[in-house]
C-alpha atoms as a PDB file:
ATOM      1  CA  MET A   1     -11.213  24.613 -21.397  1.00  0.00           C
ATOM      2  CA  ALA A   2      -7.548  25.053 -21.975  1.00  0.00           C
ATOM      3  CA  ALA A   3      -6.883  27.996 -19.863  1.00  0.00           C
ATOM      4  CA  ASN A   4      -8.836  26.657 -16.976  1.00  0.00           C
ATOM      5  CA  PHE A   5      -7.215  23.190 -17.246  1.00  0.00           C
ATOM      6  CA  TRP A   6      -3.536  24.494 -17.555  1.00  0.00           C
ATOM      7  CA  THR A   7      -3.871  26.365 -14.271  1.00  0.00           C
ATOM      8  CA  SER A   8      -5.893  23.638 -12.489  1.00  0.00           C
ATOM      9  CA  THR A   9      -4.717  21.194  -9.771  1.00  0.00           C
ATOM     10  CA  HIS A  10      -5.642  18.428 -12.145  1.00  0.00           C
ATOM     11  CA  TYR A  11      -2.909  19.646 -14.620  1.00  0.00           C
ATOM     12  CA  LYS A  12      -0.439  19.858 -11.668  1.00  0.00           C
ATOM     13  CA  GLN A  13      -1.358  16.378 -10.572  1.00  0.00           C
ATOM     14  CA  LEU A  14      -0.618  14.691 -13.993  1.00  0.00           C
ATOM     15  CA  LEU A  15       1.825  11.827 -13.481  1.00  0.00           C
ATOM     16  CA  ASP A  16       4.534   9.991 -15.559  1.00  0.00           C
ATOM     17  CA  PRO A  17       3.223   6.557 -16.899  1.00  0.00           C
ATOM     18  CA  GLU A  18       5.746   4.694 -14.744  1.00  0.00           C
ATOM     19  CA  ASP A  19       4.318   6.292 -11.593  1.00  0.00           C
ATOM     20  CA  VAL A  20       0.762   5.068 -12.181  1.00  0.00           C
ATOM     21  CA  ASP A  21       0.875   1.246 -11.914  1.00  0.00           C
ATOM     22  CA  VAL A  22       3.179   0.985  -8.877  1.00  0.00           C
ATOM     23  CA  VAL A  23       2.195  -1.702  -6.482  1.00  0.00           C
ATOM     24  CA  HIS A  24       2.532  -0.637  -2.948  1.00  0.00           C
ATOM     25  CA  PRO A  25       4.707  -2.574  -0.378  1.00  0.00           C
ATOM     26  CA  PRO A  26       1.709  -3.778   1.736  1.00  0.00           C
ATOM     27  CA  ASP A  27       0.213  -5.135  -1.552  1.00  0.00           C
ATOM     28  CA  ARG A  28       3.310  -6.837  -2.801  1.00  0.00           C
ATOM     29  CA  GLU A  29       3.489  -8.632   0.440  1.00  0.00           C
ATOM     30  CA  ARG A  30       0.112 -10.152  -0.376  1.00  0.00           C
ATOM     31  CA  GLY A  31       1.569 -11.327  -3.683  1.00  0.00           C
ATOM     32  CA  ILE A  32      -0.389  -8.593  -5.795  1.00  0.00           C
ATOM     33  CA  THR A  33       1.350  -8.063  -9.149  1.00  0.00           C
ATOM     34  CA  VAL A  34       1.194  -5.155 -11.483  1.00  0.00           C
ATOM     35  CA  GLU A  35      -1.218  -7.288 -13.613  1.00  0.00           C
ATOM     36  CA  ASP A  36      -3.424  -7.993 -10.510  1.00  0.00           C
ATOM     37  CA  PHE A  37      -3.420  -4.170  -9.596  1.00  0.00           C
ATOM     38  CA  LYS A  38      -4.631  -3.301 -13.169  1.00  0.00           C
ATOM     39  CA  LEU A  39      -7.456  -6.107 -13.041  1.00  0.00           C
ATOM     40  CA  ILE A  40      -8.777  -5.013  -9.696  1.00  0.00           C
ATOM     41  CA  LYS A  41      -8.706  -1.303 -10.784  1.00  0.00           C
ATOM     42  CA  MET A  42     -10.720  -2.213 -13.914  1.00  0.00           C
ATOM     43  CA  GLN A  43     -13.116  -4.275 -12.043  1.00  0.00           C
ATOM     44  CA  MET A  44     -13.765  -1.376  -9.685  1.00  0.00           C
ATOM     45  CA  VAL A  45     -14.551   0.751 -12.717  1.00  0.00           C
ATOM     46  CA  THR A  46     -17.179  -1.663 -13.632  1.00  0.00           C
ATOM     47  CA  TYR A  47     -18.469  -1.750  -9.949  1.00  0.00           C
ATOM     48  CA  ILE A  48     -18.714   2.093 -10.054  1.00  0.00           C
ATOM     49  CA  TRP A  49     -20.499   1.989 -13.492  1.00  0.00           C
ATOM     50  CA  LYS A  50     -23.109  -0.604 -12.137  1.00  0.00           C
ATOM     51  CA  LEU A  51     -23.842   1.429  -9.101  1.00  0.00           C
ATOM     52  CA  ALA A  52     -24.119   4.605 -11.002  1.00  0.00           C
ATOM     53  CA  GLN A  53     -26.665   3.026 -13.348  1.00  0.00           C
ATOM     54  CA  HIS A  54     -28.905   2.318 -10.326  1.00  0.00           C
ATOM     55  CA  VAL A  55     -28.573   5.807  -8.666  1.00  0.00           C
ATOM     56  CA  LYS A  56     -28.921   7.427 -11.914  1.00  0.00           C
ATOM     57  CA  VAL A  57     -26.195   9.903 -12.193  1.00  0.00           C
ATOM     58  CA  ARG A  58     -24.537  11.705 -15.109  1.00  0.00           C
ATOM     59  CA  GLN A  59     -21.661  10.237 -17.081  1.00  0.00           C
ATOM     60  CA  ARG A  60     -19.397  12.948 -15.780  1.00  0.00           C
ATOM     61  CA  VAL A  61     -20.076  11.807 -12.049  1.00  0.00           C
ATOM     62  CA  ILE A  62     -18.995   8.279 -13.086  1.00  0.00           C
ATOM     63  CA  ALA A  63     -15.847   9.604 -14.829  1.00  0.00           C
ATOM     64  CA  THR A  64     -14.881  11.651 -11.897  1.00  0.00           C
ATOM     65  CA  ALA A  65     -15.513   8.766  -9.423  1.00  0.00           C
ATOM     66  CA  VAL A  66     -13.178   6.485 -11.469  1.00  0.00           C
ATOM     67  CA  THR A  67     -10.513   9.304 -11.560  1.00  0.00           C
ATOM     68  CA  TYR A  68     -10.698   9.698  -7.784  1.00  0.00           C
ATOM     69  CA  MET A  69     -10.422   5.832  -7.386  1.00  0.00           C
ATOM     70  CA  ARG A  70      -7.301   5.729  -9.670  1.00  0.00           C
ATOM     71  CA  ARG A  71      -5.722   8.715  -8.029  1.00  0.00           C
ATOM     72  CA  VAL A  72      -6.118   7.191  -4.589  1.00  0.00           C
ATOM     73  CA  TYR A  73      -4.270   4.074  -5.612  1.00  0.00           C
ATOM     74  CA  THR A  74      -1.189   5.965  -6.908  1.00  0.00           C
ATOM     75  CA  ARG A  75      -0.909   6.967  -3.183  1.00  0.00           C
ATOM     76  CA  LYS A  76      -2.423   4.250  -1.048  1.00  0.00           C
ATOM     77  CA  SER A  77      -2.365   0.559  -1.078  1.00  0.00           C
ATOM     78  CA  MET A  78      -5.430  -1.720  -1.588  1.00  0.00           C
ATOM     79  CA  SER A  79      -4.493  -3.557   1.501  1.00  0.00           C
ATOM     80  CA  GLU A  80      -5.213  -0.307   3.544  1.00  0.00           C
ATOM     81  CA  TYR A  81      -8.059   0.951   1.329  1.00  0.00           C
ATOM     82  CA  ASP A  82     -10.300  -1.923   0.159  1.00  0.00           C
ATOM     83  CA  PRO A  83     -11.402  -1.425  -3.352  1.00  0.00           C
ATOM     84  CA  ARG A  84     -14.814  -2.716  -2.628  1.00  0.00           C
ATOM     85  CA  LEU A  85     -15.403   0.184  -0.380  1.00  0.00           C
ATOM     86  CA  VAL A  86     -13.354   2.794  -2.088  1.00  0.00           C
ATOM     87  CA  ALA A  87     -15.425   2.376  -5.241  1.00  0.00           C
ATOM     88  CA  PRO A  88     -18.808   3.337  -3.703  1.00  0.00           C
ATOM     89  CA  ALA A  89     -17.051   6.111  -1.478  1.00  0.00           C
ATOM     90  CA  CYS A  90     -15.512   7.602  -4.624  1.00  0.00           C
ATOM     91  CA  LEU A  91     -19.034   7.687  -6.348  1.00  0.00           C
ATOM     92  CA  TYR A  92     -20.658   9.302  -3.332  1.00  0.00           C
ATOM     93  CA  LEU A  93     -17.863  11.936  -3.188  1.00  0.00           C
ATOM     94  CA  ALA A  94     -17.793  12.496  -6.957  1.00  0.00           C
ATOM     95  CA  ALA A  95     -21.633  13.044  -6.890  1.00  0.00           C
ATOM     96  CA  LYS A  96     -21.149  15.931  -4.420  1.00  0.00           C
ATOM     97  CA  ALA A  97     -18.169  17.398  -6.375  1.00  0.00           C
ATOM     98  CA  GLU A  98     -20.203  17.447  -9.523  1.00  0.00           C
ATOM     99  CA  GLU A  99     -23.363  18.813  -7.742  1.00  0.00           C
ATOM    100  CA  SER A 100     -25.415  15.660  -8.058  1.00  0.00           C
ATOM    101  CA  THR A 101     -27.194  14.027  -5.254  1.00  0.00           C
ATOM    102  CA  VAL A 102     -26.535  10.472  -4.225  1.00  0.00           C
ATOM    103  CA  GLN A 103     -27.511   9.374  -0.774  1.00  0.00           C
ATOM    104  CA  ALA A 104     -25.176   6.865   1.091  1.00  0.00           C
ATOM    105  CA  LYS A 105     -28.139   4.683   2.182  1.00  0.00           C
ATOM    106  CA  ALA A 106     -29.208   4.344  -1.589  1.00  0.00           C
ATOM    107  CA  LEU A 107     -25.592   3.202  -2.327  1.00  0.00           C
ATOM    108  CA  VAL A 108     -25.894   0.565   0.591  1.00  0.00           C
ATOM    109  CA  PHE A 109     -29.218  -0.631  -0.767  1.00  0.00           C
ATOM    110  CA  TYR A 110     -28.016  -1.176  -4.294  1.00  0.00           C
ATOM    111  CA  ILE A 111     -24.674  -2.792  -3.241  1.00  0.00           C
ATOM    112  CA  LYS A 112     -26.800  -5.512  -1.470  1.00  0.00           C
ATOM    113  CA  LYS A 113     -29.012  -5.820  -4.603  1.00  0.00           C
ATOM    114  CA  ILE A 114     -25.968  -6.156  -7.063  1.00  0.00           C
ATOM    115  CA  TYR A 115     -23.654  -8.268  -5.007  1.00  0.00           C
ATOM    116  CA  ALA A 116     -24.235 -11.307  -2.899  1.00  0.00           C
ATOM    117  CA  ASP A 117     -20.554 -11.543  -1.881  1.00  0.00           C
ATOM    118  CA  GLU A 118     -20.293 -10.504   1.779  1.00  0.00           C
ATOM    119  CA  LYS A 119     -16.934  -8.819   0.917  1.00  0.00           C
ATOM    120  CA  TYR A 120     -19.014  -5.997  -0.825  1.00  0.00           C
ATOM    121  CA  ARG A 121     -21.213  -5.512   2.267  1.00  0.00           C
ATOM    122  CA  TYR A 122     -20.559  -2.202   3.751  1.00  0.00           C
ATOM    123  CA  ASP A 123     -22.818   0.012   5.564  1.00  0.00           C
ATOM    124  CA  MET A 124     -23.354   3.944   5.584  1.00  0.00           C
ATOM    125  CA  LYS A 125     -20.859   4.462   8.318  1.00  0.00           C
ATOM    126  CA  ASP A 126     -18.106   2.722   6.330  1.00  0.00           C
ATOM    127  CA  ILE A 127     -18.843   4.674   3.199  1.00  0.00           C
ATOM    128  CA  LEU A 128     -18.871   8.000   5.209  1.00  0.00           C
ATOM    129  CA  GLU A 129     -15.543   7.257   6.995  1.00  0.00           C
ATOM    130  CA  MET A 130     -13.859   6.117   3.806  1.00  0.00           C
ATOM    131  CA  GLU A 131     -15.027   9.324   1.959  1.00  0.00           C
ATOM    132  CA  MET A 132     -12.947  11.421   4.549  1.00  0.00           C
ATOM    133  CA  LYS A 133     -10.048   8.959   4.028  1.00  0.00           C
ATOM    134  CA  ILE A 134     -10.233   9.483   0.298  1.00  0.00           C
ATOM    135  CA  LEU A 135     -10.415  13.314   0.648  1.00  0.00           C
ATOM    136  CA  GLU A 136      -7.247  13.273   2.675  1.00  0.00           C
ATOM    137  CA  ALA A 137      -5.680  10.879   0.164  1.00  0.00           C
ATOM    138  CA  LEU A 138      -6.510  13.307  -2.688  1.00  0.00           C
ATOM    139  CA  ASN A 139      -5.207  16.145  -0.624  1.00  0.00           C
ATOM    140  CA  TYR A 140      -8.767  17.701  -0.944  1.00  0.00           C
ATOM    141  CA  TYR A 141      -8.059  18.265  -4.779  1.00  0.00           C
ATOM    142  CA  LEU A 142     -11.498  17.482  -6.308  1.00  0.00           C
ATOM    143  CA  VAL A 143     -11.270  19.150  -9.565  1.00  0.00           C
ATOM    144  CA  VAL A 144     -11.325  16.849 -12.617  1.00  0.00           C
ATOM    145  CA  PHE A 145     -11.376  17.965 -16.249  1.00  0.00           C
ATOM    146  CA  HIS A 146     -12.745  15.148 -18.662  1.00  0.00           C
ATOM    147  CA  PRO A 147     -12.306  14.732 -22.415  1.00  0.00           C
ATOM    148  CA  TYR A 148     -16.111  14.949 -23.121  1.00  0.00           C
ATOM    149  CA  ARG A 149     -16.488  18.621 -23.456  1.00  0.00           C
ATOM    150  CA  SER A 150     -13.300  18.926 -25.615  1.00  0.00           C
ATOM    151  CA  LEU A 151     -14.650  16.053 -27.725  1.00  0.00           C
ATOM    152  CA  THR A 152     -17.951  17.870 -28.682  1.00  0.00           C
ATOM    153  CA  HIS A 153     -16.060  21.003 -29.481  1.00  0.00           C
ATOM    154  CA  LEU A 154     -13.427  19.121 -31.632  1.00  0.00           C
ATOM    155  CA  LEU A 155     -15.998  17.029 -33.595  1.00  0.00           C
ATOM    156  CA  GLN A 156     -17.981  20.200 -34.495  1.00  0.00           C
ATOM    157  CA  ASP A 157     -14.771  21.911 -35.555  1.00  0.00           C
ATOM    158  CA  ALA A 158     -13.836  18.815 -37.762  1.00  0.00           C
ATOM    159  CA  GLY A 159     -17.244  18.604 -39.103  1.00  0.00           C
ATOM    160  CA  MET A 160     -17.394  14.997 -37.813  1.00  0.00           C
ATOM    161  CA  GLU A 161     -20.566  15.264 -35.595  1.00  0.00           C
ATOM    162  CA  ASP A 162     -21.776  11.973 -37.037  1.00  0.00           C
ATOM    163  CA  MET A 163     -18.901  10.296 -35.065  1.00  0.00           C
ATOM    164  CA  THR A 164     -20.270  11.599 -31.752  1.00  0.00           C
ATOM    165  CA  GLN A 165     -21.582   8.194 -30.491  1.00  0.00           C
ATOM    166  CA  PHE A 166     -18.592   6.209 -31.674  1.00  0.00           C
ATOM    167  CA  THR A 167     -16.011   8.548 -30.120  1.00  0.00           C
ATOM    168  CA  TRP A 168     -18.117   9.026 -26.921  1.00  0.00           C
ATOM    169  CA  GLY A 169     -17.849   5.205 -26.485  1.00  0.00           C
ATOM    170  CA  LEU A 170     -14.138   5.397 -26.936  1.00  0.00           C
ATOM    171  CA  VAL A 171     -13.717   8.060 -24.339  1.00  0.00           C
ATOM    172  CA  ASN A 172     -15.903   6.082 -21.884  1.00  0.00           C
ATOM    173  CA  ASP A 173     -13.543   3.151 -22.286  1.00  0.00           C
ATOM    174  CA  THR A 174     -10.442   5.180 -21.545  1.00  0.00           C
ATOM    175  CA  TYR A 175     -11.539   5.285 -18.036  1.00  0.00           C
ATOM    176  CA  LYS A 176     -10.744   1.592 -17.947  1.00  0.00           C
ATOM    177  CA  MET A 177      -7.334   2.669 -18.258  1.00  0.00           C
ATOM    178  CA  ASP A 178      -5.131   5.363 -16.246  1.00  0.00           C
ATOM    179  CA  LEU A 179      -4.951   7.628 -19.176  1.00  0.00           C
ATOM    180  CA  ILE A 180      -6.778  10.408 -17.315  1.00  0.00           C
ATOM    181  CA  LEU A 181      -3.903  10.434 -14.847  1.00  0.00           C
ATOM    182  CA  VAL A 182      -1.245  10.998 -17.340  1.00  0.00           C
ATOM    183  CA  HIS A 183      -2.431  12.914 -20.365  1.00  0.00           C
ATOM    184  CA  PRO A 184      -4.530  16.326 -20.754  1.00  0.00           C
ATOM    185  CA  PRO A 185      -8.145  15.544 -21.573  1.00  0.00           C
ATOM    186  CA  HIS A 186      -8.175  17.273 -24.819  1.00  0.00           C
ATOM    187  CA  LEU A 187      -5.307  14.944 -26.177  1.00  0.00           C
ATOM    188  CA  ILE A 188      -7.398  12.033 -24.968  1.00  0.00           C
ATOM    189  CA  ALA A 189     -10.243  13.383 -26.988  1.00  0.00           C
ATOM    190  CA  LEU A 190      -8.112  13.879 -30.083  1.00  0.00           C
ATOM    191  CA  ALA A 191      -6.749  10.280 -29.884  1.00  0.00           C
ATOM    192  CA  CYS A 192     -10.257   8.948 -29.805  1.00  0.00           C
ATOM    193  CA  ILE A 193     -11.072  11.230 -32.822  1.00  0.00           C
ATOM    194  CA  TYR A 194      -7.954   9.877 -34.597  1.00  0.00           C
ATOM    195  CA  ILE A 195      -8.931   6.225 -34.040  1.00  0.00           C
ATOM    196  CA  ALA A 196     -12.424   7.046 -35.328  1.00  0.00           C
ATOM    197  CA  SER A 197     -11.165   8.751 -38.393  1.00  0.00           C
ATOM    198  CA  VAL A 198      -8.937   5.772 -39.221  1.00  0.00           C
ATOM    199  CA  TYR A 199     -11.617   3.320 -38.541  1.00  0.00           C
ATOM    200  CA  LYS A 200     -14.289   5.072 -40.742  1.00  0.00           C
ATOM    201  CA  ASP A 201     -11.669   5.852 -43.361  1.00  0.00           C
ATOM    202  CA  ARG A 202     -11.893   9.859 -42.972  1.00  0.00           C
ATOM    203  CA  ASP A 203      -8.952  11.925 -43.987  1.00  0.00           C
ATOM    204  CA  THR A 204      -8.251  14.193 -41.061  1.00  0.00           C
ATOM    205  CA  THR A 205      -4.673  14.893 -41.912  1.00  0.00           C
ATOM    206  CA  SER A 206      -5.022  18.605 -42.705  1.00  0.00           C
ATOM    207  CA  TRP A 207      -7.356  19.300 -39.826  1.00  0.00           C
ATOM    208  CA  PHE A 208      -4.898  17.784 -37.245  1.00  0.00           C
ATOM    209  CA  GLU A 209      -2.056  19.891 -38.783  1.00  0.00           C
ATOM    210  CA  GLU A 210      -4.125  23.039 -38.224  1.00  0.00           C
ATOM    211  CA  LEU A 211      -4.419  22.171 -34.611  1.00  0.00           C
ATOM    212  CA  ARG A 212      -0.650  22.197 -34.233  1.00  0.00           C
ATOM    213  CA  VAL A 213      -0.771  19.420 -31.709  1.00  0.00           C
ATOM    214  CA  ASP A 214       2.109  16.855 -31.241  1.00  0.00           C
ATOM    215  CA  MET A 215       0.759  14.101 -33.273  1.00  0.00           C
ATOM    216  CA  ASN A 216       3.195  11.574 -31.841  1.00  0.00           C
ATOM    217  CA  VAL A 217       1.543  11.946 -28.440  1.00  0.00           C
ATOM    218  CA  VAL A 218      -1.914  11.725 -30.041  1.00  0.00           C
ATOM    219  CA  LYS A 219      -0.931   8.514 -31.931  1.00  0.00           C
ATOM    220  CA  ASN A 220       0.743   7.049 -28.822  1.00  0.00           C
ATOM    221  CA  ILE A 221      -2.553   7.500 -26.870  1.00  0.00           C
ATOM    222  CA  ALA A 222      -4.439   6.030 -29.647  1.00  0.00           C
ATOM    223  CA  VAL A 223      -2.101   2.868 -29.631  1.00  0.00           C
ATOM    224  CA  GLU A 224      -2.528   2.475 -25.800  1.00  0.00           C
ATOM    225  CA  ILE A 225      -6.408   2.518 -26.284  1.00  0.00           C
ATOM    226  CA  LEU A 226      -6.107  -0.059 -29.207  1.00  0.00           C
ATOM    227  CA  ASP A 227      -3.613  -2.085 -27.118  1.00  0.00           C
ATOM    228  CA  PHE A 228      -6.071  -2.179 -24.186  1.00  0.00           C
ATOM    229  CA  TYR A 229      -8.959  -3.520 -26.443  1.00  0.00           C
ATOM    230  CA  GLU A 230      -6.645  -6.166 -27.835  1.00  0.00           C
ATOM    231  CA  ASN A 231      -5.425  -7.271 -24.193  1.00  0.00           C
ATOM    232  CA  HIS A 232      -8.929  -6.953 -22.804  1.00  0.00           C
ATOM    233  CA  ARG A 233     -10.121 -10.022 -24.754  1.00  0.00           C
ATOM    234  CA  SER A 234      -7.806 -12.258 -22.720  1.00  0.00           C
ATOM    235  CA  ILE A 235      -9.237 -11.351 -19.396  1.00  0.00           C
ATOM    236  CA  THR A 236     -11.003 -14.165 -17.816  1.00  0.00           C
ATOM    237  CA  GLU A 237     -13.195 -14.310 -14.713  1.00  0.00           C
ATOM    238  CA  GLU A 238     -10.780 -16.707 -13.295  1.00  0.00           C
ATOM    239  CA  ARG A 239      -8.022 -14.194 -13.447  1.00  0.00           C
ATOM    240  CA  VAL A 240     -10.147 -11.442 -11.744  1.00  0.00           C
ATOM    241  CA  THR A 241     -11.173 -13.809  -9.022  1.00  0.00           C
ATOM    242  CA  ALA A 242      -7.489 -14.790  -8.451  1.00  0.00           C
ATOM    243  CA  ALA A 243      -6.499 -11.242  -8.103  1.00  0.00           C
ATOM    244  CA  PHE A 244      -9.173 -10.617  -5.572  1.00  0.00           C
ATOM    245  CA  SER A 245      -8.372 -13.522  -3.608  1.00  0.00           C
ATOM    246  CA  LYS A 246      -5.131 -11.952  -2.487  1.00  0.00           C
ATOM    247  CA  LEU A 247      -7.226  -9.098  -1.103  1.00  0.00           C
ATOM    248  CA  ALA A 248      -9.033 -11.089   1.692  1.00  0.00           C
ATOM    249  CA  LEU A 249      -9.731  -7.956   3.672  1.00  0.00           C
ATOM    250  CA  LYS A 250     -13.066  -8.359   5.018  1.00  0.00           C
ATOM    251  CA  ALA A 251     -14.099 -11.202   7.503  1.00  0.00           C
END
């Protein structure tokens, strides 16, 4: 994985943390704050997840779709690119990129089934048009490396296969944050293993030393994940609704 990743467009597009949650001017004019920006993106992760469960795609497709969505908003405003349309369009594009099949008409069907809110009601034409806009926003760079493969190999190497379900769940939750835009995927996997080892009281000190990775980076990622869990508890439906109310895009 390492050789492929380090020469990939994914690696070349990694961002500094301060470049990720930047609210674009058109959104600022609507009163959208950094906190609103994060909440809307997190809500769109949930939206992609719900749609994916209905159209039955692999976890990797979901993760790629979420990565596309997060990449788009480092370059485009939510005022220009309605998240409620970007989310299904990213899932549609990710399914193609990951060689899965999802029909646009199936997405439209399940959107109507999941959401009664008219602001979510887009048709096939809208999804196909947004797909092209997303491709342009991504500069046609569709390759995404995820922590899952590294996680499996690292757990085997550490003799911690019994932690697979726990750490896999942690990796899933990292897509509710922007970690995939900032850190190499194997470091995200290591941070999840580090959290699991502390939580389950496993001594992995010597194993981590043998890996010769920068433990400060691994621990900082772990702290970000734990901080997310702590802050996530205070998120209410009212706060999410208030953030979306500033995005009154669709009549």
